[in-house]
Amino acid sequence: LNLRIYSSILIFLVFIIGTGSFLFHLFGNLWSLIADTVPILIFIILYLYLAVRFYLEQTQVISFFSIFLFLFLNYSLSYSGVEEVSSYLMALFSMLIIACVAYRKNKRDISYGLFLTSLIFMVSLGFRQLDLFTCAQFSHGTHWIWHILNSILLYTLVILFIERKIRWILLWFIRHVRQKTKRHIFQRFYWIRIWLRAVISFQRPYPSLSGTARFLVKVSVRYY
């Protein structure tokens, strides 16, 4: 399969994951639980295969072996008292390991992207576990933050596979904050400059009050 088909499958799985999660929270029975968990596991296994196969440029044998190793460790970890989040922990460990290997291979864009998604996933898991303690005191809990961060996580992973880099998201965020800050500062000094010009023009010999008013209205309309 080519990369375009793999990308389409990942996008389709994200849609199925969202649908399954919606159905589970709506009905909360066995079939909706299966619809919620199975697509997530399929996405994790597929992305692990794609990451080893294309990010690390390994053979199909090694890629399939990584899936076997993942399932084996996941099965072993489920007996250590964390069976509820064993798959998530193994997915997090896998992303960190692949990110480190990609960094050693000088694939910095892939490495930074996986480190970023790992950070998002750690925060997401933290809010998921925190919900078990806060739900009794806080009616809304923190489970909704888990879902929001996971949607960002899935989006970031898919974009990383399609574009092979993720820095543009960080650059866009930094640029967006910088533009907002500059606009806020410019807005303050803009109006100070406008009013100073208005005062100076009004204090000139033979001032025109109507001309000054028209000038302020014209500037205000242009600004907004």
N, C-alpha and C. Protein backbone atom coordinates (compact mmCIF):
# COMPACT_ATOMS: atom_id res chain seq x y z
N LEU A 1 0.84 -1.20 0.00
CA LEU A 1 0.00 0.00 0.00
C LEU A 1 0.87 1.25 0.00
N ASN A 2 0.43 2.28 -0.71
CA ASN A 2 1.20 3.51 -0.73
C ASN A 2 0.80 4.40 0.45
N LEU A 3 1.54 5.48 0.60
CA LEU A 3 1.34 6.35 1.76
C LEU A 3 -0.03 7.03 1.74
N ARG A 4 -0.55 7.32 0.56
CA ARG A 4 -1.86 7.97 0.47
C ARG A 4 -2.96 7.07 1.03
N ILE A 5 -2.87 5.78 0.75
CA ILE A 5 -3.88 4.84 1.25
C ILE A 5 -3.76 4.72 2.77
N TYR A 6 -2.53 4.62 3.27
CA TYR A 6 -2.33 4.56 4.72
C TYR A 6 -2.87 5.82 5.39
N SER A 7 -2.64 6.97 4.79
CA SER A 7 -3.13 8.22 5.35
C SER A 7 -4.66 8.23 5.40
N SER A 8 -5.29 7.74 4.34
CA SER A 8 -6.76 7.67 4.31
C SER A 8 -7.29 6.73 5.38
N ILE A 9 -6.61 5.61 5.59
CA ILE A 9 -7.03 4.66 6.62
C ILE A 9 -6.93 5.30 8.00
N LEU A 10 -5.85 6.03 8.26
CA LEU A 10 -5.70 6.71 9.55
C LEU A 10 -6.81 7.74 9.77
N ILE A 11 -7.11 8.51 8.75
CA ILE A 11 -8.18 9.51 8.87
C ILE A 11 -9.52 8.83 9.13
N PHE A 12 -9.78 7.73 8.42
CA PHE A 12 -11.03 6.99 8.63
C PHE A 12 -11.09 6.41 10.04
N LEU A 13 -9.97 5.92 10.56
CA LEU A 13 -9.95 5.39 11.93
C LEU A 13 -10.22 6.47 12.97
N VAL A 14 -9.72 7.67 12.72
CA VAL A 14 -10.00 8.78 13.65
C VAL A 14 -11.51 9.05 13.70
N PHE A 15 -12.16 9.02 12.54
CA PHE A 15 -13.62 9.20 12.49
C PHE A 15 -14.33 8.07 13.24
N ILE A 16 -13.88 6.84 13.05
CA ILE A 16 -14.50 5.70 13.73
C ILE A 16 -14.28 5.78 15.24
N ILE A 17 -13.11 6.22 15.65
CA ILE A 17 -12.83 6.37 17.08
C ILE A 17 -13.77 7.39 17.71
N GLY A 18 -13.95 8.53 17.05
CA GLY A 18 -14.88 9.53 17.57
C GLY A 18 -16.30 9.02 17.64
N THR A 19 -16.72 8.29 16.62
CA THR A 19 -18.08 7.73 16.61
C THR A 19 -18.25 6.69 17.71
N GLY A 20 -17.27 5.80 17.87
CA GLY A 20 -17.35 4.79 18.90
C GLY A 20 -17.36 5.38 20.30
N SER A 21 -16.55 6.40 20.52
CA SER A 21 -16.54 7.07 21.82
C SER A 21 -17.88 7.73 22.11
N PHE A 22 -18.47 8.35 21.10
CA PHE A 22 -19.79 8.97 21.27
C PHE A 22 -20.84 7.92 21.62
N LEU A 23 -20.81 6.79 20.94
CA LEU A 23 -21.79 5.73 21.19
C LEU A 23 -21.63 5.14 22.59
N PHE A 24 -20.39 4.98 23.03
CA PHE A 24 -20.17 4.41 24.37
C PHE A 24 -20.67 5.35 25.46
N HIS A 25 -20.41 6.64 25.31
CA HIS A 25 -20.88 7.59 26.32
C HIS A 25 -22.39 7.81 26.24
N LEU A 26 -22.98 7.45 25.11
CA LEU A 26 -24.43 7.59 24.96
C LEU A 26 -25.17 6.38 25.53
N PHE A 27 -24.65 5.17 25.26
CA PHE A 27 -25.36 3.96 25.67
C PHE A 27 -24.69 3.27 26.87
N GLY A 28 -23.37 3.17 26.87
CA GLY A 28 -22.67 2.58 28.00
C GLY A 28 -22.90 1.09 28.18
N ASN A 29 -23.08 0.35 27.09
CA ASN A 29 -23.27 -1.09 27.19
C ASN A 29 -22.10 -1.82 26.52
N LEU A 30 -22.24 -3.15 26.37
CA LEU A 30 -21.13 -3.96 25.89
C LEU A 30 -20.75 -3.65 24.45
N TRP A 31 -21.75 -3.57 23.56
CA TRP A 31 -21.43 -3.36 22.15
C TRP A 31 -20.84 -1.98 21.90
N SER A 32 -21.31 -0.99 22.66
CA SER A 32 -20.73 0.35 22.50
C SER A 32 -19.33 0.41 23.09
N LEU A 33 -19.07 -0.42 24.13
CA LEU A 33 -17.71 -0.50 24.66
C LEU A 33 -16.75 -1.08 23.63
N ILE A 34 -17.21 -2.11 22.91
CA ILE A 34 -16.39 -2.68 21.84
C ILE A 34 -16.17 -1.65 20.73
N ALA A 35 -17.22 -0.91 20.37
CA ALA A 35 -17.10 0.12 19.34
C ALA A 35 -16.16 1.24 19.77
N ASP A 36 -15.97 1.41 21.08
CA ASP A 36 -15.10 2.47 21.58
C ASP A 36 -13.65 2.02 21.66
N THR A 37 -13.40 0.78 22.09
CA THR A 37 -12.04 0.35 22.38
C THR A 37 -11.33 -0.29 21.17
N VAL A 38 -12.07 -1.05 20.37
CA VAL A 38 -11.43 -1.77 19.26
C VAL A 38 -10.81 -0.81 18.23
N PRO A 39 -11.50 0.23 17.77
CA PRO A 39 -10.85 1.15 16.81
C PRO A 39 -9.61 1.83 17.37
N ILE A 40 -9.61 2.11 18.68
CA ILE A 40 -8.43 2.72 19.30
C ILE A 40 -7.25 1.76 19.23
N LEU A 41 -7.50 0.49 19.57
CA LEU A 41 -6.43 -0.51 19.52
C LEU A 41 -5.92 -0.71 18.10
N ILE A 42 -6.84 -0.71 17.13
CA ILE A 42 -6.42 -0.85 15.73
C ILE A 42 -5.56 0.34 15.31
N PHE A 43 -5.94 1.54 15.70
CA PHE A 43 -5.15 2.73 15.37
C PHE A 43 -3.76 2.63 15.98
N ILE A 44 -3.67 2.22 17.24
CA ILE A 44 -2.37 2.11 17.91
C ILE A 44 -1.47 1.11 17.19
N ILE A 45 -2.02 -0.07 16.87
CA ILE A 45 -1.23 -1.11 16.22
C ILE A 45 -0.80 -0.68 14.82
N LEU A 46 -1.72 -0.10 14.06
CA LEU A 46 -1.39 0.35 12.71
C LEU A 46 -0.35 1.45 12.74
N TYR A 47 -0.50 2.42 13.65
CA TYR A 47 0.45 3.52 13.68
C TYR A 47 1.82 3.04 14.13
N LEU A 48 1.85 2.05 15.03
CA LEU A 48 3.13 1.48 15.44
C LEU A 48 3.83 0.84 14.25
N TYR A 49 3.08 0.09 13.46
CA TYR A 49 3.65 -0.53 12.26
C TYR A 49 4.17 0.53 11.30
N LEU A 50 3.37 1.57 11.05
CA LEU A 50 3.77 2.61 10.11
C LEU A 50 4.98 3.39 10.62
N ALA A 51 5.03 3.62 11.93
CA ALA A 51 6.16 4.37 12.49
C ALA A 51 7.46 3.59 12.34
N VAL A 52 7.41 2.31 12.65
CA VAL A 52 8.63 1.50 12.52
C VAL A 52 8.99 1.32 11.05
N ARG A 53 7.98 1.14 10.21
CA ARG A 53 8.22 0.85 8.79
C ARG A 53 8.73 2.08 8.04
N PHE A 54 8.14 3.25 8.29
CA PHE A 54 8.44 4.43 7.49
C PHE A 54 9.28 5.46 8.25
N TYR A 55 8.99 5.69 9.54
CA TYR A 55 9.80 6.65 10.29
C TYR A 55 11.21 6.12 10.51
N LEU A 56 11.31 4.86 10.94
CA LEU A 56 12.61 4.27 11.22
C LEU A 56 13.18 3.50 10.04
N GLU A 57 12.36 3.35 8.97
CA GLU A 57 12.79 2.70 7.73
C GLU A 57 13.29 1.27 7.97
N GLN A 58 12.48 0.51 8.70
CA GLN A 58 12.81 -0.88 8.97
C GLN A 58 12.03 -1.80 8.03
N THR A 59 12.39 -3.06 8.03
CA THR A 59 11.73 -4.03 7.17
C THR A 59 10.35 -4.40 7.71
N GLN A 60 9.57 -5.08 6.88
CA GLN A 60 8.26 -5.52 7.32
C GLN A 60 8.35 -6.53 8.45
N VAL A 61 9.38 -7.35 8.43
CA VAL A 61 9.54 -8.35 9.49
C VAL A 61 9.73 -7.65 10.84
N ILE A 62 10.60 -6.66 10.89
CA ILE A 62 10.82 -5.92 12.15
C ILE A 62 9.57 -5.15 12.53
N SER A 63 8.86 -4.61 11.57
CA SER A 63 7.64 -3.86 11.87
C SER A 63 6.57 -4.76 12.49
N PHE A 64 6.39 -5.96 11.92
CA PHE A 64 5.43 -6.90 12.48
C PHE A 64 5.91 -7.43 13.84
N PHE A 65 7.20 -7.60 13.99
CA PHE A 65 7.73 -8.05 15.28
C PHE A 65 7.47 -7.00 16.35
N SER A 66 7.54 -5.71 15.99
CA SER A 66 7.25 -4.65 16.97
C SER A 66 5.80 -4.72 17.43
N ILE A 67 4.89 -5.11 16.53
CA ILE A 67 3.49 -5.28 16.93
C ILE A 67 3.36 -6.45 17.91
N PHE A 68 4.02 -7.57 17.59
CA PHE A 68 3.99 -8.73 18.48
C PHE A 68 4.55 -8.37 19.85
N LEU A 69 5.67 -7.65 19.87
CA LEU A 69 6.28 -7.24 21.13
C LEU A 69 5.36 -6.31 21.91
N PHE A 70 4.69 -5.41 21.20
CA PHE A 70 3.75 -4.50 21.84
C PHE A 70 2.61 -5.27 22.50
N LEU A 71 2.02 -6.21 21.78
CA LEU A 71 0.90 -6.98 22.32
C LEU A 71 1.33 -7.85 23.50
N PHE A 72 2.53 -8.41 23.41
CA PHE A 72 3.03 -9.24 24.49
C PHE A 72 3.26 -8.41 25.76
N LEU A 73 3.92 -7.27 25.62
CA LEU A 73 4.17 -6.41 26.78
C LEU A 73 2.88 -5.81 27.32
N ASN A 74 1.96 -5.51 26.42
CA ASN A 74 0.67 -5.00 26.86
C ASN A 74 -0.09 -6.04 27.67
N TYR A 75 -0.05 -7.28 27.22
CA TYR A 75 -0.69 -8.38 27.94
C TYR A 75 -0.03 -8.59 29.29
N SER A 76 1.30 -8.50 29.33
CA SER A 76 2.02 -8.67 30.60
C SER A 76 1.74 -7.51 31.55
N LEU A 77 1.67 -6.30 31.01
CA LEU A 77 1.43 -5.12 31.83
C LEU A 77 0.03 -5.11 32.42
N SER A 78 -0.91 -5.74 31.72
CA SER A 78 -2.29 -5.75 32.22
C SER A 78 -2.45 -6.55 33.51
N TYR A 79 -1.47 -7.38 33.83
CA TYR A 79 -1.52 -8.17 35.06
C TYR A 79 -0.77 -7.50 36.21
N SER A 80 -0.31 -6.29 36.00
CA SER A 80 0.43 -5.59 37.04
C SER A 80 -0.42 -4.56 37.77
N GLY A 81 -1.73 -4.60 37.55
CA GLY A 81 -2.63 -3.69 38.25
C GLY A 81 -3.02 -2.45 37.48
N VAL A 82 -2.56 -2.33 36.24
CA VAL A 82 -2.90 -1.15 35.43
C VAL A 82 -3.56 -1.60 34.13
N GLU A 83 -4.36 -2.66 34.20
CA GLU A 83 -4.94 -3.21 32.99
C GLU A 83 -5.86 -2.22 32.27
N GLU A 84 -6.41 -1.25 33.01
CA GLU A 84 -7.32 -0.29 32.39
C GLU A 84 -6.60 0.65 31.44
N VAL A 85 -5.34 0.94 31.73
CA VAL A 85 -4.59 1.90 30.90
C VAL A 85 -3.33 1.26 30.33
N SER A 86 -3.25 -0.05 30.32
CA SER A 86 -2.03 -0.72 29.86
C SER A 86 -1.74 -0.41 28.39
N SER A 87 -2.77 -0.42 27.55
CA SER A 87 -2.57 -0.12 26.13
C SER A 87 -2.10 1.31 25.93
N TYR A 88 -2.66 2.23 26.73
CA TYR A 88 -2.25 3.63 26.61
C TYR A 88 -0.80 3.83 27.05
N LEU A 89 -0.42 3.15 28.14
CA LEU A 89 0.96 3.27 28.62
C LEU A 89 1.94 2.68 27.61
N MET A 90 1.59 1.55 27.03
CA MET A 90 2.46 0.95 26.02
C MET A 90 2.56 1.83 24.79
N ALA A 91 1.45 2.48 24.41
CA ALA A 91 1.49 3.41 23.27
C ALA A 91 2.40 4.59 23.57
N LEU A 92 2.33 5.09 24.81
CA LEU A 92 3.19 6.21 25.21
C LEU A 92 4.66 5.80 25.20
N PHE A 93 4.97 4.65 25.76
CA PHE A 93 6.35 4.16 25.76
C PHE A 93 6.86 3.96 24.33
N SER A 94 6.00 3.43 23.48
CA SER A 94 6.40 3.19 22.08
C SER A 94 6.72 4.49 21.37
N MET A 95 5.90 5.53 21.57
CA MET A 95 6.16 6.82 20.94
C MET A 95 7.48 7.41 21.42
N LEU A 96 7.76 7.30 22.72
CA LEU A 96 9.00 7.85 23.26
C LEU A 96 10.21 7.09 22.71
N ILE A 97 10.11 5.77 22.63
CA ILE A 97 11.23 4.98 22.12
C ILE A 97 11.48 5.31 20.65
N ILE A 98 10.43 5.36 19.84
CA ILE A 98 10.59 5.67 18.42
C ILE A 98 11.11 7.10 18.24
N ALA A 99 10.67 8.02 19.09
CA ALA A 99 11.16 9.39 19.02
C ALA A 99 12.66 9.45 19.30
N CYS A 100 13.12 8.68 20.27
CA CYS A 100 14.56 8.66 20.58
C CYS A 100 15.36 8.04 19.45
N VAL A 101 14.86 6.95 18.87
CA VAL A 101 15.56 6.30 17.76
C VAL A 101 15.60 7.23 16.55
N ALA A 102 14.46 7.90 16.28
CA ALA A 102 14.43 8.84 15.15
C ALA A 102 15.41 9.99 15.36
N TYR A 103 15.56 10.43 16.61
CA TYR A 103 16.52 11.49 16.91
C TYR A 103 17.95 11.02 16.64
N ARG A 104 18.23 9.76 17.00
CA ARG A 104 19.56 9.20 16.74
C ARG A 104 19.82 9.06 15.25
N LYS A 105 18.76 8.82 14.48
CA LYS A 105 18.88 8.71 13.03
C LYS A 105 18.88 10.07 12.34
N ASN A 106 18.90 11.14 13.13
CA ASN A 106 18.94 12.51 12.62
C ASN A 106 17.66 12.89 11.88
N LYS A 107 16.55 12.26 12.26
CA LYS A 107 15.24 12.63 11.72
C LYS A 107 14.55 13.52 12.75
N ARG A 108 14.98 14.75 12.80
CA ARG A 108 14.58 15.65 13.88
C ARG A 108 13.09 16.00 13.81
N ASP A 109 12.56 16.20 12.60
CA ASP A 109 11.14 16.55 12.49
C ASP A 109 10.25 15.44 13.03
N ILE A 110 10.56 14.20 12.68
CA ILE A 110 9.80 13.07 13.20
C ILE A 110 9.97 12.97 14.71
N SER A 111 11.19 13.12 15.17
CA SER A 111 11.47 13.01 16.60
C SER A 111 10.74 14.08 17.40
N TYR A 112 10.82 15.34 16.95
CA TYR A 112 10.14 16.42 17.66
C TYR A 112 8.63 16.22 17.66
N GLY A 113 8.10 15.74 16.54
CA GLY A 113 6.67 15.50 16.47
C GLY A 113 6.22 14.44 17.44
N LEU A 114 6.97 13.35 17.55
CA LEU A 114 6.61 12.28 18.48
C LEU A 114 6.82 12.70 19.94
N PHE A 115 7.84 13.51 20.18
CA PHE A 115 8.01 14.03 21.55
C PHE A 115 6.84 14.95 21.92
N LEU A 116 6.39 15.74 20.97
CA LEU A 116 5.25 16.61 21.22
C LEU A 116 3.99 15.81 21.50
N THR A 117 3.72 14.79 20.68
CA THR A 117 2.53 13.96 20.90
C THR A 117 2.64 13.19 22.21
N SER A 118 3.84 12.77 22.58
CA SER A 118 4.03 12.08 23.86
C SER A 118 3.70 13.00 25.03
N LEU A 119 4.11 14.25 24.92
CA LEU A 119 3.80 15.22 25.97
C LEU A 119 2.29 15.44 26.08
N ILE A 120 1.63 15.59 24.94
CA ILE A 120 0.17 15.74 24.95
C ILE A 120 -0.49 14.53 25.58
N PHE A 121 0.00 13.34 25.24
CA PHE A 121 -0.58 12.10 25.75
C PHE A 121 -0.37 11.96 27.24
N MET A 122 0.79 12.36 27.75
CA MET A 122 1.05 12.29 29.19
C MET A 122 0.09 13.20 29.96
N VAL A 123 -0.09 14.41 29.45
CA VAL A 123 -1.04 15.33 30.11
C VAL A 123 -2.45 14.77 30.02
N SER A 124 -2.80 14.20 28.88
CA SER A 124 -4.13 13.62 28.69
C SER A 124 -4.38 12.47 29.66
N LEU A 125 -3.41 11.58 29.78
CA LEU A 125 -3.55 10.47 30.72
C LEU A 125 -3.64 10.96 32.16
N GLY A 126 -2.91 12.02 32.47
CA GLY A 126 -2.98 12.59 33.81
C GLY A 126 -4.38 13.06 34.16
N PHE A 127 -5.02 13.76 33.22
CA PHE A 127 -6.39 14.22 33.46
C PHE A 127 -7.37 13.05 33.51
N ARG A 128 -7.11 11.99 32.77
CA ARG A 128 -7.98 10.82 32.81
C ARG A 128 -7.95 10.16 34.18
N GLN A 129 -6.76 10.01 34.73
CA GLN A 129 -6.64 9.40 36.05
C GLN A 129 -7.11 10.35 37.15
N LEU A 130 -6.90 11.64 36.94
CA LEU A 130 -7.35 12.62 37.92
C LEU A 130 -8.86 12.65 38.04
N ASP A 131 -9.54 12.29 36.96
CA ASP A 131 -11.00 12.29 36.96
C ASP A 131 -11.56 11.30 37.97
N LEU A 132 -10.83 10.23 38.27
CA LEU A 132 -11.29 9.24 39.24
C LEU A 132 -11.39 9.83 40.64
N PHE A 133 -10.63 10.88 40.92
CA PHE A 133 -10.62 11.49 42.25
C PHE A 133 -11.43 12.78 42.30
N THR A 134 -11.50 13.50 41.20
CA THR A 134 -12.17 14.81 41.20
C THR A 134 -13.65 14.73 40.88
N CYS A 135 -14.08 13.61 40.30
CA CYS A 135 -15.48 13.53 39.88
C CYS A 135 -16.43 13.62 41.06
N ALA A 136 -16.01 13.11 42.24
CA ALA A 136 -16.88 13.16 43.42
C ALA A 136 -17.03 14.58 43.96
N GLN A 137 -15.98 15.40 43.83
CA GLN A 137 -16.04 16.78 44.32
C GLN A 137 -16.46 17.77 43.24
N PHE A 138 -16.10 17.47 42.01
CA PHE A 138 -16.38 18.37 40.89
C PHE A 138 -17.26 17.63 39.90
N SER A 139 -18.50 18.09 39.73
CA SER A 139 -19.49 17.32 38.98
C SER A 139 -19.07 17.05 37.54
N HIS A 140 -18.38 18.00 36.92
CA HIS A 140 -17.96 17.82 35.53
C HIS A 140 -16.71 16.95 35.41
N GLY A 141 -15.93 16.86 36.48
CA GLY A 141 -14.72 16.06 36.43
C GLY A 141 -13.70 16.61 35.44
N THR A 142 -12.76 15.77 35.06
CA THR A 142 -11.74 16.16 34.08
C THR A 142 -11.70 15.21 32.88
N HIS A 143 -12.71 14.34 32.79
CA HIS A 143 -12.73 13.37 31.69
C HIS A 143 -12.88 14.06 30.33
N TRP A 144 -13.56 15.19 30.31
CA TRP A 144 -13.76 15.91 29.05
C TRP A 144 -12.44 16.46 28.52
N ILE A 145 -11.50 16.79 29.44
CA ILE A 145 -10.18 17.26 29.00
C ILE A 145 -9.42 16.12 28.33
N TRP A 146 -9.61 14.91 28.84
CA TRP A 146 -9.02 13.71 28.24
C TRP A 146 -9.44 13.57 26.78
N HIS A 147 -10.72 13.79 26.51
CA HIS A 147 -11.22 13.65 25.14
C HIS A 147 -10.71 14.77 24.24
N ILE A 148 -10.66 15.98 24.74
CA ILE A 148 -10.18 17.11 23.94
C ILE A 148 -8.71 16.92 23.57
N LEU A 149 -7.90 16.56 24.56
CA LEU A 149 -6.48 16.37 24.30
C LEU A 149 -6.24 15.17 23.38
N ASN A 150 -7.05 14.13 23.51
CA ASN A 150 -6.89 12.98 22.62
C ASN A 150 -7.24 13.33 21.18
N SER A 151 -8.22 14.19 20.99
CA SER A 151 -8.54 14.62 19.62
C SER A 151 -7.37 15.40 19.03
N ILE A 152 -6.73 16.24 19.84
CA ILE A 152 -5.54 16.96 19.37
C ILE A 152 -4.41 15.99 19.09
N LEU A 153 -4.28 14.98 19.95
CA LEU A 153 -3.24 13.97 19.78
C LEU A 153 -3.40 13.20 18.47
N LEU A 154 -4.62 12.73 18.20
CA LEU A 154 -4.85 11.98 16.97
C LEU A 154 -4.62 12.84 15.73
N TYR A 155 -5.08 14.08 15.79
CA TYR A 155 -4.87 15.00 14.67
C TYR A 155 -3.38 15.20 14.43
N THR A 156 -2.62 15.40 15.50
CA THR A 156 -1.19 15.64 15.37
C THR A 156 -0.47 14.43 14.81
N LEU A 157 -0.85 13.23 15.24
CA LEU A 157 -0.22 12.01 14.74
C LEU A 157 -0.49 11.81 13.25
N VAL A 158 -1.71 12.06 12.83
CA VAL A 158 -2.05 11.89 11.42
C VAL A 158 -1.31 12.92 10.57
N ILE A 159 -1.27 14.16 11.02
CA ILE A 159 -0.55 15.20 10.28
C ILE A 159 0.94 14.86 10.22
N LEU A 160 1.48 14.33 11.30
CA LEU A 160 2.89 13.96 11.31
C LEU A 160 3.18 12.88 10.28
N PHE A 161 2.28 11.92 10.14
CA PHE A 161 2.50 10.86 9.15
C PHE A 161 2.37 11.39 7.73
N ILE A 162 1.44 12.30 7.51
CA ILE A 162 1.21 12.81 6.15
C ILE A 162 2.33 13.78 5.74
N GLU A 163 2.68 14.70 6.64
CA GLU A 163 3.63 15.75 6.30
C GLU A 163 5.07 15.40 6.64
N ARG A 164 5.25 14.40 7.51
CA ARG A 164 6.57 14.01 8.01
C ARG A 164 7.24 15.11 8.83
N LYS A 165 6.46 16.03 9.31
CA LYS A 165 6.98 17.06 10.21
C LYS A 165 5.80 17.67 10.94
N ILE A 166 6.09 18.28 12.06
CA ILE A 166 5.04 18.84 12.88
C ILE A 166 5.40 20.23 13.37
N ARG A 167 6.60 20.70 13.01
CA ARG A 167 7.06 21.98 13.53
C ARG A 167 6.19 23.14 13.09
N TRP A 168 5.52 22.98 11.94
CA TRP A 168 4.70 24.08 11.44
C TRP A 168 3.57 24.39 12.38
N ILE A 169 3.09 23.38 13.14
CA ILE A 169 2.03 23.64 14.12
C ILE A 169 2.57 24.52 15.24
N LEU A 170 3.78 24.21 15.74
CA LEU A 170 4.38 25.02 16.78
C LEU A 170 4.69 26.42 16.27
N LEU A 171 5.22 26.49 15.03
CA LEU A 171 5.53 27.80 14.46
C LEU A 171 4.27 28.63 14.28
N TRP A 172 3.18 27.96 13.85
CA TRP A 172 1.92 28.69 13.69
C TRP A 172 1.44 29.22 15.03
N PHE A 173 1.56 28.42 16.09
CA PHE A 173 1.12 28.85 17.42
C PHE A 173 1.96 30.02 17.90
N ILE A 174 3.29 29.91 17.74
CA ILE A 174 4.16 31.00 18.18
C ILE A 174 3.88 32.27 17.39
N ARG A 175 3.71 32.10 16.06
CA ARG A 175 3.43 33.25 15.22
C ARG A 175 2.08 33.88 15.56
N HIS A 176 1.10 33.03 15.86
CA HIS A 176 -0.22 33.53 16.21
C HIS A 176 -0.18 34.34 17.51
N VAL A 177 0.52 33.81 18.52
CA VAL A 177 0.64 34.54 19.79
C VAL A 177 1.40 35.83 19.59
N ARG A 178 2.45 35.78 18.78
CA ARG A 178 3.26 36.99 18.53
C ARG A 178 2.44 38.06 17.82
N GLN A 179 1.65 37.66 16.83
CA GLN A 179 0.82 38.62 16.12
C GLN A 179 -0.24 39.21 17.03
N LYS A 180 -0.84 38.37 17.89
CA LYS A 180 -1.83 38.88 18.82
C LYS A 180 -1.22 39.89 19.77
N THR A 181 0.00 39.58 20.25
CA THR A 181 0.68 40.49 21.17
C THR A 181 1.02 41.81 20.47
N LYS A 182 1.56 41.70 19.25
CA LYS A 182 1.90 42.91 18.52
C LYS A 182 0.67 43.74 18.21
N ARG A 183 -0.44 43.06 17.87
CA ARG A 183 -1.65 43.79 17.56
C ARG A 183 -2.19 44.51 18.78
N HIS A 184 -2.08 43.84 19.96
CA HIS A 184 -2.55 44.46 21.19
C HIS A 184 -1.72 45.70 21.52
N ILE A 185 -0.38 45.57 21.39
CA ILE A 185 0.50 46.71 21.67
C ILE A 185 0.26 47.82 20.64
N PHE A 186 0.14 47.41 19.36
CA PHE A 186 -0.08 48.40 18.31
C PHE A 186 -1.39 49.13 18.53
N GLN A 187 -2.41 48.41 18.99
CA GLN A 187 -3.72 49.04 19.22
C GLN A 187 -3.62 50.12 20.28
N ARG A 188 -2.87 49.84 21.35
CA ARG A 188 -2.72 50.84 22.42
C ARG A 188 -2.02 52.10 21.89
N PHE A 189 -0.87 51.90 21.27
CA PHE A 189 -0.11 53.05 20.78
C PHE A 189 -0.81 53.72 19.59
N TYR A 190 -1.61 52.97 18.85
CA TYR A 190 -2.32 53.53 17.72
C TYR A 190 -3.29 54.61 18.18
N TRP A 191 -4.08 54.29 19.19
CA TRP A 191 -5.06 55.26 19.66
C TRP A 191 -4.40 56.44 20.37
N ILE A 192 -3.28 56.18 21.06
CA ILE A 192 -2.54 57.31 21.67
C ILE A 192 -2.05 58.26 20.59
N ARG A 193 -1.52 57.70 19.50
CA ARG A 193 -1.02 58.52 18.40
C ARG A 193 -2.14 59.30 17.72
N ILE A 194 -3.30 58.64 17.57
CA ILE A 194 -4.43 59.30 16.93
C ILE A 194 -4.93 60.47 17.77
N TRP A 195 -5.08 60.22 19.05
CA TRP A 195 -5.59 61.30 19.90
C TRP A 195 -4.59 62.44 20.03
N LEU A 196 -3.30 62.16 20.04
CA LEU A 196 -2.30 63.22 20.06
C LEU A 196 -2.39 64.07 18.80
N ARG A 197 -2.57 63.42 17.65
CA ARG A 197 -2.72 64.17 16.40
C ARG A 197 -3.98 65.04 16.45
N ALA A 198 -5.03 64.49 17.05
CA ALA A 198 -6.27 65.26 17.14
C ALA A 198 -6.10 66.48 18.05
N VAL A 199 -5.41 66.26 19.19
CA VAL A 199 -5.20 67.38 20.12
C VAL A 199 -4.31 68.44 19.48
N ILE A 200 -3.24 67.99 18.79
CA ILE A 200 -2.33 68.95 18.16
C ILE A 200 -3.06 69.75 17.08
N SER A 201 -3.87 69.06 16.29
CA SER A 201 -4.60 69.78 15.24
C SER A 201 -5.62 70.73 15.83
N PHE A 202 -6.19 70.39 16.99
CA PHE A 202 -7.18 71.27 17.60
C PHE A 202 -6.53 72.48 18.26
N GLN A 203 -5.25 72.33 18.67
CA GLN A 203 -4.57 73.43 19.33
C GLN A 203 -3.88 74.38 18.36
N ARG A 204 -3.94 74.10 17.08
CA ARG A 204 -3.34 75.00 16.09
C ARG A 204 -4.16 76.29 15.99
N PRO A 205 -3.54 77.34 15.46
CA PRO A 205 -4.31 78.57 15.26
C PRO A 205 -5.49 78.32 14.33
N TYR A 206 -6.59 78.93 14.64
CA TYR A 206 -7.83 78.78 13.88
C TYR A 206 -8.22 77.29 13.74
N PRO A 207 -8.35 76.57 14.87
CA PRO A 207 -8.67 75.14 14.78
C PRO A 207 -10.07 74.93 14.24
N SER A 208 -10.25 73.77 13.67
CA SER A 208 -11.54 73.38 13.15
C SER A 208 -12.04 72.18 13.95
N LEU A 209 -13.04 72.40 14.80
CA LEU A 209 -13.58 71.31 15.62
C LEU A 209 -14.26 70.25 14.75
N SER A 210 -14.99 70.69 13.74
CA SER A 210 -15.67 69.72 12.87
C SER A 210 -14.66 68.90 12.08
N GLY A 211 -13.57 69.54 11.64
CA GLY A 211 -12.54 68.81 10.92
C GLY A 211 -11.86 67.77 11.79
N THR A 212 -11.60 68.14 13.05
CA THR A 212 -11.00 67.18 13.98
C THR A 212 -11.94 66.02 14.24
N ALA A 213 -13.22 66.30 14.42
CA ALA A 213 -14.21 65.23 14.66
C ALA A 213 -14.30 64.30 13.45
N ARG A 214 -14.34 64.90 12.24
CA ARG A 214 -14.40 64.08 11.04
C ARG A 214 -13.16 63.19 10.92
N PHE A 215 -12.02 63.74 11.31
CA PHE A 215 -10.78 62.97 11.26
C PHE A 215 -10.85 61.77 12.19
N LEU A 216 -11.35 61.94 13.42
CA LEU A 216 -11.44 60.84 14.38
C LEU A 216 -12.45 59.79 13.91
N VAL A 217 -13.58 60.22 13.40
CA VAL A 217 -14.58 59.28 12.91
C VAL A 217 -14.03 58.48 11.74
N LYS A 218 -13.34 59.14 10.83
CA LYS A 218 -12.77 58.47 9.67
C LYS A 218 -11.76 57.41 10.08
N VAL A 219 -10.90 57.74 11.04
CA VAL A 219 -9.90 56.81 11.50
C VAL A 219 -10.55 55.64 12.22
N SER A 220 -11.57 55.92 13.04
CA SER A 220 -12.24 54.87 13.79
C SER A 220 -12.92 53.88 12.84
N VAL A 221 -13.60 54.39 11.84
CA VAL A 221 -14.28 53.51 10.87
C VAL A 221 -13.26 52.67 10.11
N ARG A 222 -12.14 53.27 9.74
CA ARG A 222 -11.12 52.54 9.02
C ARG A 222 -10.51 51.46 9.90
N TYR A 223 -10.33 51.73 11.18
CA TYR A 223 -9.72 50.76 12.08
C TYR A 223 -10.63 49.56 12.26
N TYR A 224 -11.91 49.79 12.48
CA TYR A 224 -12.83 48.69 12.73
C TYR A 224 -13.27 48.04 11.43
